[in-house]
Amino acid sequence: MLYQNACQEFYKALRNGNVKRMSLGEYARRRHALHIRKPRKNPELTKDERLALISQARFFPKLGLTYEKNEFGEVDRVYYIR
């Protein structure tokens, strides 16, 4: 459920902000700014949210999202496919 919420919010943030590409950190700040979720002092993704997004990244294409990994194999940037 956490993963699904994270992805829905990701999609909303991308669509509302008309952003074609953003890092996970940028997404966290944007989500925080939009108050899609209960705002908290620290806009960064929680460890659970980050893990949920990364572990479920293979499902991104269904949401119109894709991603790239950095040299350490971590999901680095997320793209909204137009």
PDB file of N, CA and C in Angstrom:
ATOM      1  N   MET A   1       0.829  -1.206   0.000  1.00  0.00           N
ATOM      2  CA  MET A   1       0.000   0.000   0.000  1.00  0.00           C
ATOM      3  C   MET A   1       0.866   1.260   0.000  1.00  0.00           C
ATOM      4  N   LEU A   2       1.917   1.227   0.808  1.00  0.00           N
ATOM      5  CA  LEU A   2       2.823   2.373   0.866  1.00  0.00           C
ATOM      6  C   LEU A   2       3.388   2.670  -0.518  1.00  0.00           C
ATOM      7  N   TYR A   3       3.802   1.601  -1.209  1.00  0.00           N
ATOM      8  CA  TYR A   3       4.375   1.767  -2.547  1.00  0.00           C
ATOM      9  C   TYR A   3       3.361   2.396  -3.496  1.00  0.00           C
ATOM     10  N   GLN A   4       2.125   1.888  -3.432  1.00  0.00           N
ATOM     11  CA  GLN A   4       1.081   2.385  -4.326  1.00  0.00           C
ATOM     12  C   GLN A   4       0.828   3.872  -4.081  1.00  0.00           C
ATOM     13  N   ASN A   5       0.745   4.252  -2.815  1.00  0.00           N
ATOM     14  CA  ASN A   5       0.546   5.666  -2.470  1.00  0.00           C
ATOM     15  C   ASN A   5       1.709   6.505  -2.969  1.00  0.00           C
ATOM     16  N   ALA A   6       2.920   6.004  -2.749  1.00  0.00           N
ATOM     17  CA  ALA A   6       4.109   6.749  -3.171  1.00  0.00           C
ATOM     18  C   ALA A   6       4.067   6.972  -4.678  1.00  0.00           C
ATOM     19  N   CYS A   7       3.707   5.942  -5.425  1.00  0.00           N
ATOM     20  CA  CYS A   7       3.664   6.067  -6.883  1.00  0.00           C
ATOM     21  C   CYS A   7       2.552   7.004  -7.334  1.00  0.00           C
ATOM     22  N   GLN A   8       1.401   6.914  -6.700  1.00  0.00           N
ATOM     23  CA  GLN A   8       0.297   7.803  -7.071  1.00  0.00           C
ATOM     24  C   GLN A   8       0.685   9.249  -6.805  1.00  0.00           C
ATOM     25  N   GLU A   9       1.348   9.474  -5.691  1.00  0.00           N
ATOM     26  CA  GLU A   9       1.762  10.838  -5.357  1.00  0.00           C
ATOM     27  C   GLU A   9       2.835  11.322  -6.322  1.00  0.00           C
ATOM     28  N   PHE A  10       3.737  10.412  -6.681  1.00  0.00           N
ATOM     29  CA  PHE A  10       4.781  10.710  -7.648  1.00  0.00           C
ATOM     30  C   PHE A  10       4.129  11.188  -8.945  1.00  0.00           C
ATOM     31  N   TYR A  11       3.163  10.409  -9.404  1.00  0.00           N
ATOM     32  CA  TYR A  11       2.486  10.693 -10.663  1.00  0.00           C
ATOM     33  C   TYR A  11       1.762  12.032 -10.586  1.00  0.00           C
ATOM     34  N   LYS A  12       1.070  12.265  -9.471  1.00  0.00           N
ATOM     35  CA  LYS A  12       0.350  13.529  -9.276  1.00  0.00           C
ATOM     36  C   LYS A  12       1.311  14.703  -9.285  1.00  0.00           C
ATOM     37  N   ALA A  13       2.404  14.557  -8.555  1.00  0.00           N
ATOM     38  CA  ALA A  13       3.372  15.651  -8.464  1.00  0.00           C
ATOM     39  C   ALA A  13       3.944  15.956  -9.839  1.00  0.00           C
ATOM     40  N   LEU A  14       4.254  14.905 -10.584  1.00  0.00           N
ATOM     41  CA  LEU A  14       4.804  15.113 -11.916  1.00  0.00           C
ATOM     42  C   LEU A  14       3.781  15.788 -12.825  1.00  0.00           C
ATOM     43  N   ARG A  15       2.550  15.308 -12.773  1.00  0.00           N
ATOM     44  CA  ARG A  15       1.512  15.838 -13.652  1.00  0.00           C
ATOM     45  C   ARG A  15       1.167  17.274 -13.281  1.00  0.00           C
ATOM     46  N   ASN A  16       0.970  17.527 -11.994  1.00  0.00           N
ATOM     47  CA  ASN A  16       0.592  18.870 -11.546  1.00  0.00           C
ATOM     48  C   ASN A  16       1.699  19.882 -11.776  1.00  0.00           C
ATOM     49  N   GLY A  17       2.932  19.441 -11.577  1.00  0.00           N
ATOM     50  CA  GLY A  17       4.053  20.355 -11.748  1.00  0.00           C
ATOM     51  C   GLY A  17       4.523  20.417 -13.185  1.00  0.00           C
ATOM     52  N   ASN A  18       3.928  19.577 -14.052  1.00  0.00           N
ATOM     53  CA  ASN A  18       4.332  19.512 -15.454  1.00  0.00           C
ATOM     54  C   ASN A  18       5.833  19.301 -15.564  1.00  0.00           C
ATOM     55  N   VAL A  19       6.342  18.398 -14.776  1.00  0.00           N
ATOM     56  CA  VAL A  19       7.780  18.132 -14.731  1.00  0.00           C
ATOM     57  C   VAL A  19       8.056  16.865 -15.514  1.00  0.00           C
ATOM     58  N   LYS A  20       9.059  16.912 -16.362  1.00  0.00           N
ATOM     59  CA  LYS A  20       9.357  15.735 -17.161  1.00  0.00           C
ATOM     60  C   LYS A  20      10.350  14.818 -16.462  1.00  0.00           C
ATOM     61  N   ARG A  21      11.151  15.369 -15.565  1.00  0.00           N
ATOM     62  CA  ARG A  21      12.186  14.550 -14.955  1.00  0.00           C
ATOM     63  C   ARG A  21      12.514  15.123 -13.590  1.00  0.00           C
ATOM     64  N   MET A  22      12.707  14.265 -12.612  1.00  0.00           N
ATOM     65  CA  MET A  22      13.112  14.762 -11.299  1.00  0.00           C
ATOM     66  C   MET A  22      13.818  13.660 -10.531  1.00  0.00           C
ATOM     67  N   SER A  23      14.677  14.055  -9.615  1.00  0.00           N
ATOM     68  CA  SER A  23      15.336  13.075  -8.756  1.00  0.00           C
ATOM     69  C   SER A  23      14.385  12.718  -7.626  1.00  0.00           C
ATOM     70  N   LEU A  24      14.707  11.647  -6.908  1.00  0.00           N
ATOM     71  CA  LEU A  24      13.862  11.269  -5.776  1.00  0.00           C
ATOM     72  C   LEU A  24      13.816  12.394  -4.748  1.00  0.00           C
ATOM     73  N   GLY A  25      14.940  13.074  -4.556  1.00  0.00           N
ATOM     74  CA  GLY A  25      14.988  14.198  -3.625  1.00  0.00           C
ATOM     75  C   GLY A  25      14.097  15.348  -4.074  1.00  0.00           C
ATOM     76  N   GLU A  26      14.148  15.640  -5.373  1.00  0.00           N
ATOM     77  CA  GLU A  26      13.288  16.700  -5.917  1.00  0.00           C
ATOM     78  C   GLU A  26      11.828  16.328  -5.737  1.00  0.00           C
ATOM     79  N   TYR A  27      11.528  15.061  -5.996  1.00  0.00           N
ATOM     80  CA  TYR A  27      10.145  14.598  -5.812  1.00  0.00           C
ATOM     81  C   TYR A  27       9.702  14.805  -4.375  1.00  0.00           C
ATOM     82  N   ALA A  28      10.576  14.465  -3.436  1.00  0.00           N
ATOM     83  CA  ALA A  28      10.227  14.592  -2.022  1.00  0.00           C
ATOM     84  C   ALA A  28       9.920  16.046  -1.682  1.00  0.00           C
ATOM     85  N   ARG A  29      10.761  16.965  -2.188  1.00  0.00           N
ATOM     86  CA  ARG A  29      10.533  18.387  -1.910  1.00  0.00           C
ATOM     87  C   ARG A  29       9.230  18.868  -2.553  1.00  0.00           C
ATOM     88  N   ARG A  30       8.987  18.425  -3.787  1.00  0.00           N
ATOM     89  CA  ARG A  30       7.781  18.850  -4.500  1.00  0.00           C
ATOM     90  C   ARG A  30       6.535  18.322  -3.797  1.00  0.00           C
ATOM     91  N   ARG A  31       6.602  17.059  -3.385  1.00  0.00           N
ATOM     92  CA  ARG A  31       5.461  16.463  -2.693  1.00  0.00           C
ATOM     93  C   ARG A  31       5.193  17.232  -1.404  1.00  0.00           C
ATOM     94  N   HIS A  32       6.276  17.601  -0.727  1.00  0.00           N
ATOM     95  CA  HIS A  32       6.169  18.346   0.522  1.00  0.00           C
ATOM     96  C   HIS A  32       5.510  19.702   0.258  1.00  0.00           C
ATOM     97  N   ALA A  33       5.940  20.356  -0.817  1.00  0.00           N
ATOM     98  CA  ALA A  33       5.422  21.685  -1.136  1.00  0.00           C
ATOM     99  C   ALA A  33       3.943  21.627  -1.523  1.00  0.00           C
ATOM    100  N   LEU A  34       3.552  20.565  -2.188  1.00  0.00           N
ATOM    101  CA  LEU A  34       2.158  20.453  -2.634  1.00  0.00           C
ATOM    102  C   LEU A  34       1.229  19.984  -1.517  1.00  0.00           C
ATOM    103  N   HIS A  35       1.815  19.559  -0.407  1.00  0.00           N
ATOM    104  CA  HIS A  35       1.035  19.028   0.721  1.00  0.00           C
ATOM    105  C   HIS A  35       0.141  17.880   0.276  1.00  0.00           C
ATOM    106  N   ILE A  36       0.655  17.073  -0.634  1.00  0.00           N
ATOM    107  CA  ILE A  36      -0.113  15.910  -1.076  1.00  0.00           C
ATOM    108  C   ILE A  36      -0.311  14.989   0.123  1.00  0.00           C
ATOM    109  N   ARG A  37       0.700  14.966   0.947  1.00  0.00           N
ATOM    110  CA  ARG A  37       0.628  14.172   2.150  1.00  0.00           C
ATOM    111  C   ARG A  37       0.671  15.117   3.334  1.00  0.00           C
ATOM    112  N   LYS A  38       0.392  14.626   4.507  1.00  0.00           N
ATOM    113  CA  LYS A  38       0.494  15.466   5.695  1.00  0.00           C
ATOM    114  C   LYS A  38       1.902  16.062   5.719  1.00  0.00           C
ATOM    115  N   PRO A  39       2.049  17.378   5.698  1.00  0.00           N
ATOM    116  CA  PRO A  39       3.389  17.948   5.639  1.00  0.00           C
ATOM    117  C   PRO A  39       4.180  17.623   6.896  1.00  0.00           C
ATOM    118  N   ARG A  40       5.457  17.408   6.733  1.00  0.00           N
ATOM    119  CA  ARG A  40       6.286  17.180   7.912  1.00  0.00           C
ATOM    120  C   ARG A  40       7.491  18.098   7.829  1.00  0.00           C
ATOM    121  N   LYS A  41       8.191  18.209   8.930  1.00  0.00           N
ATOM    122  CA  LYS A  41       9.299  19.168   8.984  1.00  0.00           C
ATOM    123  C   LYS A  41      10.349  18.863   7.928  1.00  0.00           C
ATOM    124  N   ASN A  42      10.638  17.563   7.753  1.00  0.00           N
ATOM    125  CA  ASN A  42      11.662  17.184   6.792  1.00  0.00           C
ATOM    126  C   ASN A  42      10.998  16.660   5.524  1.00  0.00           C
ATOM    127  N   PRO A  43      11.175  17.370   4.413  1.00  0.00           N
ATOM    128  CA  PRO A  43      10.503  16.959   3.182  1.00  0.00           C
ATOM    129  C   PRO A  43      11.134  15.754   2.492  1.00  0.00           C
ATOM    130  N   GLU A  44      12.273  15.276   2.992  1.00  0.00           N
ATOM    131  CA  GLU A  44      12.912  14.134   2.336  1.00  0.00           C
ATOM    132  C   GLU A  44      12.032  12.897   2.435  1.00  0.00           C
ATOM    133  N   LEU A  45      12.217  11.985   1.502  1.00  0.00           N
ATOM    134  CA  LEU A  45      11.507  10.710   1.572  1.00  0.00           C
ATOM    135  C   LEU A  45      11.980   9.951   2.803  1.00  0.00           C
ATOM    136  N   THR A  46      11.067   9.243   3.434  1.00  0.00           N
ATOM    137  CA  THR A  46      11.492   8.382   4.539  1.00  0.00           C
ATOM    138  C   THR A  46      12.217   7.188   3.936  1.00  0.00           C
ATOM    139  N   LYS A  47      12.968   6.490   4.769  1.00  0.00           N
ATOM    140  CA  LYS A  47      13.695   5.316   4.283  1.00  0.00           C
ATOM    141  C   LYS A  47      12.722   4.311   3.677  1.00  0.00           C
ATOM    142  N   ASP A  48      11.573   4.124   4.328  1.00  0.00           N
ATOM    143  CA  ASP A  48      10.575   3.177   3.827  1.00  0.00           C
ATOM    144  C   ASP A  48      10.054   3.578   2.450  1.00  0.00           C
ATOM    145  N   GLU A  49       9.779   4.867   2.281  1.00  0.00           N
ATOM    146  CA  GLU A  49       9.260   5.332   0.990  1.00  0.00           C
ATOM    147  C   GLU A  49      10.300   5.147  -0.106  1.00  0.00           C
ATOM    148  N   ARG A  50      11.552   5.486   0.229  1.00  0.00           N
ATOM    149  CA  ARG A  50      12.632   5.336  -0.752  1.00  0.00           C
ATOM    150  C   ARG A  50      12.779   3.869  -1.153  1.00  0.00           C
ATOM    151  N   LEU A  51      12.790   2.990  -0.143  1.00  0.00           N
ATOM    152  CA  LEU A  51      12.926   1.557  -0.426  1.00  0.00           C
ATOM    153  C   LEU A  51      11.739   1.054  -1.235  1.00  0.00           C
ATOM    154  N   ALA A  52      10.550   1.535  -0.897  1.00  0.00           N
ATOM    155  CA  ALA A  52       9.352   1.106  -1.623  1.00  0.00           C
ATOM    156  C   ALA A  52       9.444   1.520  -3.086  1.00  0.00           C
ATOM    157  N   LEU A  53       9.865   2.752  -3.318  1.00  0.00           N
ATOM    158  CA  LEU A  53       9.975   3.220  -4.699  1.00  0.00           C
ATOM    159  C   LEU A  53      11.023   2.430  -5.460  1.00  0.00           C
ATOM    160  N   ILE A  54      12.177   2.216  -4.810  1.00  0.00           N
ATOM    161  CA  ILE A  54      13.270   1.530  -5.490  1.00  0.00           C
ATOM    162  C   ILE A  54      12.944   0.060  -5.717  1.00  0.00           C
ATOM    163  N   SER A  55      12.381  -0.599  -4.696  1.00  0.00           N
ATOM    164  CA  SER A  55      12.127  -2.030  -4.827  1.00  0.00           C
ATOM    165  C   SER A  55      11.017  -2.308  -5.828  1.00  0.00           C
ATOM    166  N   GLN A  56      10.131  -1.344  -6.035  1.00  0.00           N
ATOM    167  CA  GLN A  56       9.007  -1.548  -6.942  1.00  0.00           C
ATOM    168  C   GLN A  56       9.188  -0.812  -8.266  1.00  0.00           C
ATOM    169  N   ALA A  57      10.405  -0.343  -8.512  1.00  0.00           N
ATOM    170  CA  ALA A  57      10.634   0.492  -9.692  1.00  0.00           C
ATOM    171  C   ALA A  57      10.264  -0.220 -10.989  1.00  0.00           C
ATOM    172  N   ARG A  58      10.302  -1.547 -10.989  1.00  0.00           N
ATOM    173  CA  ARG A  58       9.972  -2.268 -12.230  1.00  0.00           C
ATOM    174  C   ARG A  58       8.518  -2.046 -12.644  1.00  0.00           C
ATOM    175  N   PHE A  59       7.675  -1.591 -11.713  1.00  0.00           N
ATOM    176  CA  PHE A  59       6.274  -1.330 -12.049  1.00  0.00           C
ATOM    177  C   PHE A  59       6.051   0.089 -12.562  1.00  0.00           C
ATOM    178  N   PHE A  60       7.090   0.908 -12.563  1.00  0.00           N
ATOM    179  CA  PHE A  60       6.941   2.300 -12.988  1.00  0.00           C
ATOM    180  C   PHE A  60       6.317   2.451 -14.378  1.00  0.00           C
ATOM    181  N   PRO A  61       6.690   1.595 -15.359  1.00  0.00           N
ATOM    182  CA  PRO A  61       6.122   1.799 -16.694  1.00  0.00           C
ATOM    183  C   PRO A  61       4.594   1.799 -16.710  1.00  0.00           C
ATOM    184  N   LYS A  62       3.965   1.041 -15.839  1.00  0.00           N
ATOM    185  CA  LYS A  62       2.501   1.019 -15.778  1.00  0.00           C
ATOM    186  C   LYS A  62       1.960   2.387 -15.372  1.00  0.00           C
ATOM    187  N   LEU A  63       2.762   3.155 -14.657  1.00  0.00           N
ATOM    188  CA  LEU A  63       2.339   4.481 -14.198  1.00  0.00           C
ATOM    189  C   LEU A  63       2.836   5.581 -15.133  1.00  0.00           C
ATOM    190  N   GLY A  64       3.458   5.183 -16.249  1.00  0.00           N
ATOM    191  CA  GLY A  64       4.015   6.177 -17.156  1.00  0.00           C
ATOM    192  C   GLY A  64       5.328   6.734 -16.646  1.00  0.00           C
ATOM    193  N   LEU A  65       6.008   5.960 -15.801  1.00  0.00           N
ATOM    194  CA  LEU A  65       7.287   6.404 -15.247  1.00  0.00           C
ATOM    195  C   LEU A  65       8.394   5.454 -15.675  1.00  0.00           C
ATOM    196  N   THR A  66       9.570   5.970 -15.792  1.00  0.00           N
ATOM    197  CA  THR A  66      10.738   5.122 -15.957  1.00  0.00           C
ATOM    198  C   THR A  66      11.840   5.739 -15.111  1.00  0.00           C
ATOM    199  N   TYR A  67      12.976   5.097 -15.035  1.00  0.00           N
ATOM    200  CA  TYR A  67      14.012   5.582 -14.132  1.00  0.00           C
ATOM    201  C   TYR A  67      15.393   5.263 -14.681  1.00  0.00           C
ATOM    202  N   GLU A  68      16.402   5.912 -14.120  1.00  0.00           N
ATOM    203  CA  GLU A  68      17.778   5.551 -14.437  1.00  0.00           C
ATOM    204  C   GLU A  68      18.502   5.333 -13.122  1.00  0.00           C
ATOM    205  N   LYS A  69      19.558   4.538 -13.185  1.00  0.00           N
ATOM    206  CA  LYS A  69      20.318   4.239 -11.973  1.00  0.00           C
ATOM    207  C   LYS A  69      21.681   4.917 -12.050  1.00  0.00           C
ATOM    208  N   ASN A  70      22.223   5.235 -10.887  1.00  0.00           N
ATOM    209  CA  ASN A  70      23.568   5.797 -10.849  1.00  0.00           C
ATOM    210  C   ASN A  70      24.588   4.664 -10.856  1.00  0.00           C
ATOM    211  N   GLU A  71      25.858   5.002 -10.712  1.00  0.00           N
ATOM    212  CA  GLU A  71      26.896   3.964 -10.811  1.00  0.00           C
ATOM    213  C   GLU A  71      26.841   2.957  -9.670  1.00  0.00           C
ATOM    214  N   PHE A  72      26.129   3.286  -8.599  1.00  0.00           N
ATOM    215  CA  PHE A  72      26.017   2.355  -7.469  1.00  0.00           C
ATOM    216  C   PHE A  72      24.784   1.465  -7.592  1.00  0.00           C
ATOM    217  N   GLY A  73      24.058   1.603  -8.692  1.00  0.00           N
ATOM    218  CA  GLY A  73      22.878   0.766  -8.900  1.00  0.00           C
ATOM    219  C   GLY A  73      21.643   1.253  -8.161  1.00  0.00           C
ATOM    220  N   GLU A  74      21.700   2.494  -7.654  1.00  0.00           N
ATOM    221  CA  GLU A  74      20.536   3.043  -6.952  1.00  0.00           C
ATOM    222  C   GLU A  74      19.700   3.842  -7.948  1.00  0.00           C
ATOM    223  N   VAL A  75      18.387   3.816  -7.750  1.00  0.00           N
ATOM    224  CA  VAL A  75      17.527   4.626  -8.617  1.00  0.00           C
ATOM    225  C   VAL A  75      17.873   6.091  -8.361  1.00  0.00           C
ATOM    226  N   ASP A  76      18.222   6.783  -9.422  1.00  0.00           N
ATOM    227  CA  ASP A  76      18.755   8.128  -9.284  1.00  0.00           C
ATOM    228  C   ASP A  76      17.757   9.174  -9.773  1.00  0.00           C
ATOM    229  N   ARG A  77      17.306   9.000 -10.999  1.00  0.00           N
ATOM    230  CA  ARG A  77      16.354   9.951 -11.568  1.00  0.00           C
ATOM    231  C   ARG A  77      15.134   9.206 -12.055  1.00  0.00           C
ATOM    232  N   VAL A  78      14.024   9.894 -12.022  1.00  0.00           N
ATOM    233  CA  VAL A  78      12.775   9.300 -12.479  1.00  0.00           C
ATOM    234  C   VAL A  78      12.237  10.172 -13.604  1.00  0.00           C
ATOM    235  N   TYR A  79      11.767   9.536 -14.643  1.00  0.00           N
ATOM    236  CA  TYR A  79      11.237  10.258 -15.792  1.00  0.00           C
ATOM    237  C   TYR A  79       9.753  10.006 -15.934  1.00  0.00           C
ATOM    238  N   TYR A  80       9.051  11.032 -16.320  1.00  0.00           N
ATOM    239  CA  TYR A  80       7.637  10.905 -16.657  1.00  0.00           C
ATOM    240  C   TYR A  80       7.582  10.761 -18.174  1.00  0.00           C
ATOM    241  N   ILE A  81       7.047   9.656 -18.659  1.00  0.00           N
ATOM    242  CA  ILE A  81       7.014   9.420 -20.098  1.00  0.00           C
ATOM    243  C   ILE A  81       5.825  10.160 -20.690  1.00  0.00           C
ATOM    244  N   ARG A  82       6.084  11.043 -21.620  1.00  0.00           N
ATOM    245  CA  ARG A  82       4.993  11.798 -22.257  1.00  0.00           C
ATOM    246  C   ARG A  82       4.627  11.159 -23.592  1.00  0.00           C
TER     247      ARG A  82
END
